[in-house]
């Protein structure tokens, strides 16, 4: 069974990926209820933490029911990263994760996220310093490399392990690819199959179905799957994967009533956590998948994703069952 530090995990654990404006406490709670084994926070700027930026500080909120939970931070300045570790530790996470993979330009241009893939020695130096600065297990999420011609992930993984990294999650694309094209899991398998590697290697990118998760486990031999986009508006995905792994059959899709209840809970938890305006705004991205596949759903979906008032969104959710009572999710 894989372990992150002293944290024991089930065989082939499923991890909720850190996603900006997605992996917040309300959504993490739903994913945890529906089978996620480890959840990660949205990524948090080390610079934002040390200057006490409100948005960064709020992202440190974690709850007992989430555990084990990892707080993910990014940055390229050693002093800022070490100071942020102390702030993160005070929030009591189980894991500290370093983001060396975010491809977004505003992060990369500062030499952070995937930008650090151009400076592997700095990547290793930051990891080693952070490991020495905390008693918590430090994990890393990264990509295959900056571009196709600079993929050295097998060597990079060895160096990160030697620096004390407790587990490694690898997205099967380069930074140049962003999220385009297919994720290539073969280099991740090369890392796992390297006899020098002893830490868990988790795969990330295009785990879009239970079959793909099985493929990651049985064909590529990875230790677990980190799931991102497939879970948006679909927190049931984790248990669907586990059901398929156990039985070889697809689980029944959640009923329309279950979908409405989950969407209502998600919205209410989001409002309770971050207030009316942001709570309404940041749950919008989930509604398309909550109600995916329902014929002629566009009028209600438009209401769900354009209303600025929670009362209007709740009113739209109240209309789903009466309007589509004859429809069963395929």
Protein backbone atom coordinates (compact mmCIF):
# COMPACT_ATOMS: atom_id res chain seq x y z
CA UNK A 1 0.00 0.00 0.00
CA UNK A 2 1.35 3.47 -0.85
CA UNK A 3 2.20 5.90 1.96
CA UNK A 4 2.82 9.64 2.02
CA UNK A 5 5.20 9.99 4.92
CA UNK A 6 3.41 8.13 7.72
CA UNK A 7 -0.03 8.54 6.08
CA UNK A 8 -1.27 5.14 5.01
CA UNK A 9 -3.37 5.06 1.85
CA UNK A 10 -5.53 2.38 0.24
CA UNK A 11 -4.37 0.45 -2.77
CA UNK A 12 -4.46 2.81 -5.75
CA UNK A 13 -5.74 5.93 -3.96
CA UNK A 14 -7.72 8.60 -5.79
CA UNK A 15 -6.59 12.16 -5.13
CA UNK A 16 -8.52 15.36 -5.81
CA UNK A 17 -6.22 17.65 -7.78
CA UNK A 18 -5.60 21.22 -6.65
CA UNK A 19 -7.64 23.44 -9.00
CA UNK A 20 -7.90 27.21 -8.78
CA UNK A 21 -11.40 28.38 -7.77
CA UNK A 22 -12.55 24.72 -7.75
CA UNK A 23 -10.82 22.77 -4.94
CA UNK A 24 -12.27 24.91 -2.15
CA UNK A 25 -13.60 23.51 1.16
CA UNK A 26 -17.21 23.02 -0.05
CA UNK A 27 -16.16 21.05 -3.12
CA UNK A 28 -13.48 19.12 -1.23
CA UNK A 29 -16.13 18.10 1.31
CA UNK A 30 -18.37 16.72 -1.43
CA UNK A 31 -15.51 14.84 -3.10
CA UNK A 32 -14.41 13.40 0.23
CA UNK A 33 -17.95 12.15 0.90
CA UNK A 34 -17.96 10.47 -2.49
CA UNK A 35 -14.69 8.58 -2.30
CA UNK A 36 -11.69 10.90 -2.67
CA UNK A 37 -8.85 9.47 -0.55
CA UNK A 38 -6.68 12.61 -0.40
CA UNK A 39 -7.75 16.15 -1.24
CA UNK A 40 -5.62 19.17 -2.05
CA UNK A 41 -6.42 22.85 -1.67
CA UNK A 42 -6.36 25.37 -4.46
CA UNK A 43 -2.80 26.50 -5.02
CA UNK A 44 -1.75 29.36 -2.76
CA UNK A 45 0.84 32.04 -3.52
CA UNK A 46 3.73 32.04 -1.07
CA UNK A 47 4.12 35.79 -1.70
CA UNK A 48 0.41 36.27 -0.96
CA UNK A 49 0.72 34.37 2.32
CA UNK A 50 3.64 36.33 3.66
CA UNK A 51 2.04 39.68 2.83
CA UNK A 52 -1.17 38.47 4.49
CA UNK A 53 -3.30 38.75 1.34
CA UNK A 54 -6.89 37.95 2.30
CA UNK A 55 -7.59 35.60 -0.62
CA UNK A 56 -4.45 33.56 0.07
CA UNK A 57 -5.13 33.35 3.80
CA UNK A 58 -8.72 32.21 3.24
CA UNK A 59 -7.47 29.30 1.13
CA UNK A 60 -5.77 27.90 4.25
CA UNK A 61 -9.17 26.94 5.70
CA UNK A 62 -9.35 23.18 6.21
CA UNK A 63 -11.73 20.97 8.16
CA UNK A 64 -11.34 17.72 10.07
CA UNK A 65 -13.65 15.79 7.75
CA UNK A 66 -11.29 16.46 4.82
CA UNK A 67 -8.29 14.59 6.18
CA UNK A 68 -5.86 13.67 4.87
CA UNK A 69 -5.63 17.08 3.21
CA UNK A 70 -2.68 18.76 1.53
CA UNK A 71 -2.17 22.51 1.24
CA UNK A 72 -0.47 23.44 -2.03
CA UNK A 73 1.78 26.47 -2.36
CA UNK A 74 3.72 27.96 -5.26
CA UNK A 75 6.56 30.41 -5.62
CA UNK A 76 10.16 30.70 -6.76
CA UNK A 77 11.74 32.76 -3.97
CA UNK A 78 13.36 30.55 -1.34
CA UNK A 79 12.84 32.92 1.59
CA UNK A 80 9.16 33.47 0.73
CA UNK A 81 8.57 29.74 0.33
CA UNK A 82 10.15 28.93 3.70
CA UNK A 83 8.21 31.68 5.47
CA UNK A 84 5.00 30.44 3.86
CA UNK A 85 5.70 26.90 5.13
CA UNK A 86 5.52 28.22 8.70
CA UNK A 87 2.17 29.91 7.98
CA UNK A 88 0.81 26.77 6.29
CA UNK A 89 1.92 24.54 9.18
CA UNK A 90 -0.15 26.64 11.58
CA UNK A 91 -3.31 25.61 9.65
CA UNK A 92 -2.64 21.97 10.54
CA UNK A 93 -2.62 20.19 7.17
CA UNK A 94 -1.43 16.62 6.79
CA UNK A 95 0.72 17.36 3.73
CA UNK A 96 2.45 20.35 2.17
CA UNK A 97 2.48 20.19 -1.63
CA UNK A 98 4.63 22.31 -3.93
CA UNK A 99 3.22 23.35 -7.28
CA UNK A 100 5.88 22.99 -9.96
CA UNK A 101 3.33 22.41 -12.71
CA UNK A 102 0.84 25.28 -13.13
CA UNK A 103 1.13 26.41 -16.77
CA UNK A 104 -0.74 29.73 -16.41
CA UNK A 105 1.26 32.66 -17.77
CA UNK A 106 0.88 34.95 -14.71
CA UNK A 107 2.46 32.22 -12.56
CA UNK A 108 5.06 31.03 -15.05
CA UNK A 109 6.36 34.52 -15.81
CA UNK A 110 7.42 34.80 -12.16
CA UNK A 111 9.47 31.62 -12.48
CA UNK A 112 6.95 29.69 -10.38
CA UNK A 113 4.64 26.77 -11.19
CA UNK A 114 5.75 25.17 -14.46
CA UNK A 115 8.12 28.09 -14.98
CA UNK A 116 10.58 26.40 -12.64
CA UNK A 117 10.89 23.52 -15.12
CA UNK A 118 13.43 25.75 -16.87
CA UNK A 119 15.57 25.69 -13.72
CA UNK A 120 15.70 22.15 -12.33
CA UNK A 121 18.50 22.92 -9.81
CA UNK A 122 16.28 25.62 -8.25
CA UNK A 123 13.35 23.16 -8.21
CA UNK A 124 15.47 20.67 -6.27
CA UNK A 125 16.93 23.36 -3.98
CA UNK A 126 13.47 24.68 -3.03
CA UNK A 127 12.17 21.17 -2.36
CA UNK A 128 15.14 20.21 -0.20
CA UNK A 129 14.95 23.43 1.82
CA UNK A 130 11.23 23.04 2.42
CA UNK A 131 11.61 19.40 3.49
CA UNK A 132 14.19 20.47 6.06
CA UNK A 133 11.96 23.32 7.25
CA UNK A 134 8.95 21.22 8.24
CA UNK A 135 8.10 17.96 9.96
CA UNK A 136 5.16 17.43 7.57
CA UNK A 137 5.57 15.30 4.45
CA UNK A 138 6.33 17.45 1.41
CA UNK A 139 4.97 16.32 -1.95
CA UNK A 140 5.39 17.79 -5.42
CA UNK A 141 3.06 18.19 -8.38
CA UNK A 142 4.75 18.83 -11.69
CA UNK A 143 4.64 18.23 -15.45
CA UNK A 144 6.77 16.16 -17.82
CA UNK A 145 8.95 19.15 -18.67
CA UNK A 146 8.90 22.60 -20.21
CA UNK A 147 8.52 21.30 -23.75
CA UNK A 148 8.88 18.04 -25.68
CA UNK A 149 12.61 18.53 -26.15
CA UNK A 150 13.30 19.06 -22.45
CA UNK A 151 11.52 16.08 -20.89
CA UNK A 152 13.86 14.76 -18.19
CA UNK A 153 11.22 13.68 -15.72
CA UNK A 154 12.98 10.42 -14.76
CA UNK A 155 16.10 12.33 -13.69
CA UNK A 156 14.03 15.12 -12.10
CA UNK A 157 11.99 12.59 -10.09
CA UNK A 158 15.16 10.96 -8.76
CA UNK A 159 16.54 14.31 -7.68
CA UNK A 160 13.28 15.31 -5.98
CA UNK A 161 13.18 12.00 -4.13
CA UNK A 162 16.80 12.50 -3.04
CA UNK A 163 15.78 15.97 -1.80
CA UNK A 164 13.22 14.36 0.51
CA UNK A 165 10.03 14.58 -1.54
CA UNK A 166 7.50 12.11 -0.03
CA UNK A 167 5.38 11.56 -3.17
CA UNK A 168 5.21 12.89 -6.69
CA UNK A 169 2.17 13.67 -8.84
CA UNK A 170 2.97 14.08 -12.53
CA UNK A 171 0.70 15.60 -15.16
CA UNK A 172 1.27 13.90 -18.50
CA UNK A 173 1.78 17.08 -20.52
CA UNK A 174 4.53 19.67 -20.88
CA UNK A 175 4.06 23.32 -20.01
CA UNK A 176 4.03 24.26 -23.70
CA UNK A 177 1.08 21.91 -24.26
CA UNK A 178 -0.96 23.63 -21.52
CA UNK A 179 -4.09 21.41 -21.54
CA UNK A 180 -4.08 20.65 -25.26
CA UNK A 181 -3.56 17.27 -26.91
CA UNK A 182 -3.59 13.99 -25.04
CA UNK A 183 -1.73 13.44 -21.81
CA UNK A 184 1.18 11.01 -22.27
CA UNK A 185 1.42 8.64 -19.33
CA UNK A 186 4.41 6.69 -20.68
CA UNK A 187 7.06 8.99 -19.18
CA UNK A 188 5.22 8.76 -15.83
CA UNK A 189 5.45 4.98 -16.08
CA UNK A 190 9.18 5.35 -16.79
CA UNK A 191 9.50 7.20 -13.47
CA UNK A 192 7.55 4.50 -11.62
CA UNK A 193 9.57 1.70 -13.24
CA UNK A 194 12.89 3.30 -12.34
CA UNK A 195 14.34 0.87 -9.75
CA UNK A 196 15.77 3.81 -7.78
CA UNK A 197 12.31 5.21 -7.04
CA UNK A 198 10.69 4.24 -3.74
CA UNK A 199 8.15 7.05 -3.21
CA UNK A 200 4.57 6.86 -4.58
CA UNK A 201 4.11 8.10 -8.14
CA UNK A 202 0.64 9.41 -8.94
CA UNK A 203 -0.57 10.06 -12.48
CA UNK A 204 -2.56 13.11 -13.52
CA UNK A 205 -4.15 14.28 -16.76
CA UNK A 206 -7.06 12.82 -18.76
CA UNK A 207 -8.33 10.46 -16.04
CA UNK A 208 -11.76 11.01 -17.56
CA UNK A 209 -13.46 7.65 -16.95
CA UNK A 210 -13.24 4.61 -14.66
CA UNK A 211 -11.66 2.72 -17.57
CA UNK A 212 -8.89 5.29 -17.82
CA UNK A 213 -8.19 5.00 -14.09
CA UNK A 214 -7.92 1.21 -14.46
CA UNK A 215 -5.53 1.75 -17.38
CA UNK A 216 -3.36 4.02 -15.25
CA UNK A 217 -3.19 1.29 -12.61
CA UNK A 218 -2.88 -1.88 -14.66
CA UNK A 219 -1.16 -0.78 -17.88
CA UNK A 220 1.09 1.96 -16.54
CA UNK A 221 1.58 0.55 -13.03
CA UNK A 222 1.18 3.85 -11.20
CA UNK A 223 0.46 4.09 -7.49
CA UNK A 224 -2.68 6.20 -7.75
CA UNK A 225 -4.57 8.73 -9.83
CA UNK A 226 -4.92 12.45 -9.26
CA UNK A 227 -8.25 13.56 -10.69
CA UNK A 228 -9.03 17.09 -11.76
CA UNK A 229 -11.45 18.15 -14.48
CA UNK A 230 -13.49 14.91 -14.44
CA UNK A 231 -14.64 15.75 -10.91
CA UNK A 232 -15.94 19.26 -11.64
CA UNK A 233 -19.69 19.14 -11.07
CA UNK A 234 -19.27 15.38 -10.60
CA UNK A 235 -18.01 14.60 -7.09
CA UNK A 236 -19.44 11.08 -7.54
CA UNK A 237 -16.60 10.28 -9.95
CA UNK A 238 -14.33 8.93 -7.20
CA UNK A 239 -16.79 6.27 -6.03
CA UNK A 240 -17.69 5.49 -9.63
CA UNK A 241 -14.03 4.64 -10.26
CA UNK A 242 -13.86 2.53 -7.10
CA UNK A 243 -17.06 0.67 -7.98
CA UNK A 244 -15.72 -0.12 -11.44
CA UNK A 245 -12.40 -1.31 -10.02
CA UNK A 246 -14.20 -3.61 -7.59
CA UNK A 247 -16.92 -5.00 -9.85
CA UNK A 248 -15.88 -4.34 -13.45
CA UNK A 249 -19.25 -2.66 -13.93
CA UNK A 250 -20.31 0.95 -14.06
CA UNK A 251 -22.12 2.29 -11.01
CA UNK A 252 -25.58 3.69 -11.47
CA UNK A 253 -25.56 7.39 -12.19
CA UNK A 254 -26.83 9.58 -9.35
CA UNK A 255 -30.52 10.33 -9.65
CA UNK A 256 -31.78 13.74 -10.66
CA UNK A 257 -32.85 14.29 -7.05
CA UNK A 258 -29.33 13.48 -5.80
CA UNK A 259 -27.86 15.90 -8.33
CA UNK A 260 -30.16 18.71 -7.30
CA UNK A 261 -29.45 18.08 -3.61
CA UNK A 262 -25.69 18.08 -4.21
CA UNK A 263 -25.87 21.31 -6.22
CA UNK A 264 -27.96 22.96 -3.50
CA UNK A 265 -25.58 21.83 -0.74
CA UNK A 266 -22.58 22.93 -2.78
CA UNK A 267 -24.03 26.40 -3.30
CA UNK A 268 -25.07 26.81 0.33
CA UNK A 269 -21.67 25.68 1.64
CA UNK A 270 -19.95 28.05 -0.80
CA UNK A 271 -22.07 30.98 0.38
CA UNK A 272 -21.45 30.08 4.02
CA UNK A 273 -17.71 29.92 3.38
CA UNK A 274 -17.00 32.87 1.07
CA UNK A 275 -20.14 34.98 1.06
CA UNK A 276 -23.01 35.54 -1.35
CA UNK A 277 -21.17 37.10 -4.29
CA UNK A 278 -18.22 34.71 -4.56
CA UNK A 279 -20.30 31.72 -3.44
CA UNK A 280 -22.68 32.23 -6.36
CA UNK A 281 -19.93 33.07 -8.85
CA UNK A 282 -17.56 30.18 -8.11
CA UNK A 283 -20.16 27.42 -8.16
CA UNK A 284 -21.28 28.33 -11.68
CA UNK A 285 -18.65 26.21 -13.38
CA UNK A 286 -20.11 23.07 -11.79
CA UNK A 287 -23.73 23.27 -12.99
CA UNK A 288 -23.14 22.12 -16.55
CA UNK A 289 -21.77 18.80 -15.30
CA UNK A 290 -24.22 18.45 -12.42
CA UNK A 291 -26.98 18.32 -15.04
CA UNK A 292 -25.07 17.00 -18.03
CA UNK A 293 -27.08 14.97 -20.51
CA UNK A 294 -30.53 16.34 -19.72
CA UNK A 295 -32.34 17.22 -22.98
CA UNK A 296 -33.46 20.81 -23.41
CA UNK A 297 -31.80 21.93 -20.20
CA UNK A 298 -30.36 25.12 -21.70
CA UNK A 299 -32.96 27.60 -20.31
CA UNK A 300 -32.41 26.44 -16.73
CA UNK A 301 -28.66 26.16 -17.20
CA UNK A 302 -28.58 29.75 -18.44
CA UNK A 303 -30.44 30.84 -15.32
CA UNK A 304 -28.04 28.88 -13.10
CA UNK A 305 -24.88 30.33 -14.63
CA UNK A 306 -26.00 33.94 -15.11
CA UNK A 307 -27.94 34.72 -11.92
CA UNK A 308 -26.05 36.89 -9.45
CA UNK A 309 -28.49 36.22 -6.63
CA UNK A 310 -28.43 32.97 -4.69
CA UNK A 311 -32.21 33.20 -4.34
CA UNK A 312 -32.50 33.08 -8.14
CA UNK A 313 -30.10 30.12 -8.36
CA UNK A 314 -31.97 28.21 -5.66
CA UNK A 315 -35.23 29.00 -7.48
CA UNK A 316 -33.78 27.55 -10.68
CA UNK A 317 -32.66 24.42 -8.81
CA UNK A 318 -36.19 24.11 -7.41
CA UNK A 319 -37.50 23.94 -10.97
CA UNK A 320 -35.28 21.03 -12.06
CA UNK A 321 -37.26 18.14 -10.58
CA UNK A 322 -40.75 19.39 -11.55
CA UNK A 323 -39.57 20.22 -15.08
CA UNK A 324 -37.60 17.03 -15.75
CA UNK A 325 -39.36 14.55 -13.44
CA UNK A 326 -39.79 12.05 -16.29
CA UNK A 327 -36.09 12.07 -17.09
CA UNK A 328 -33.70 9.54 -15.61
CA UNK A 329 -29.95 10.16 -15.85
CA UNK A 330 -28.43 7.87 -18.46
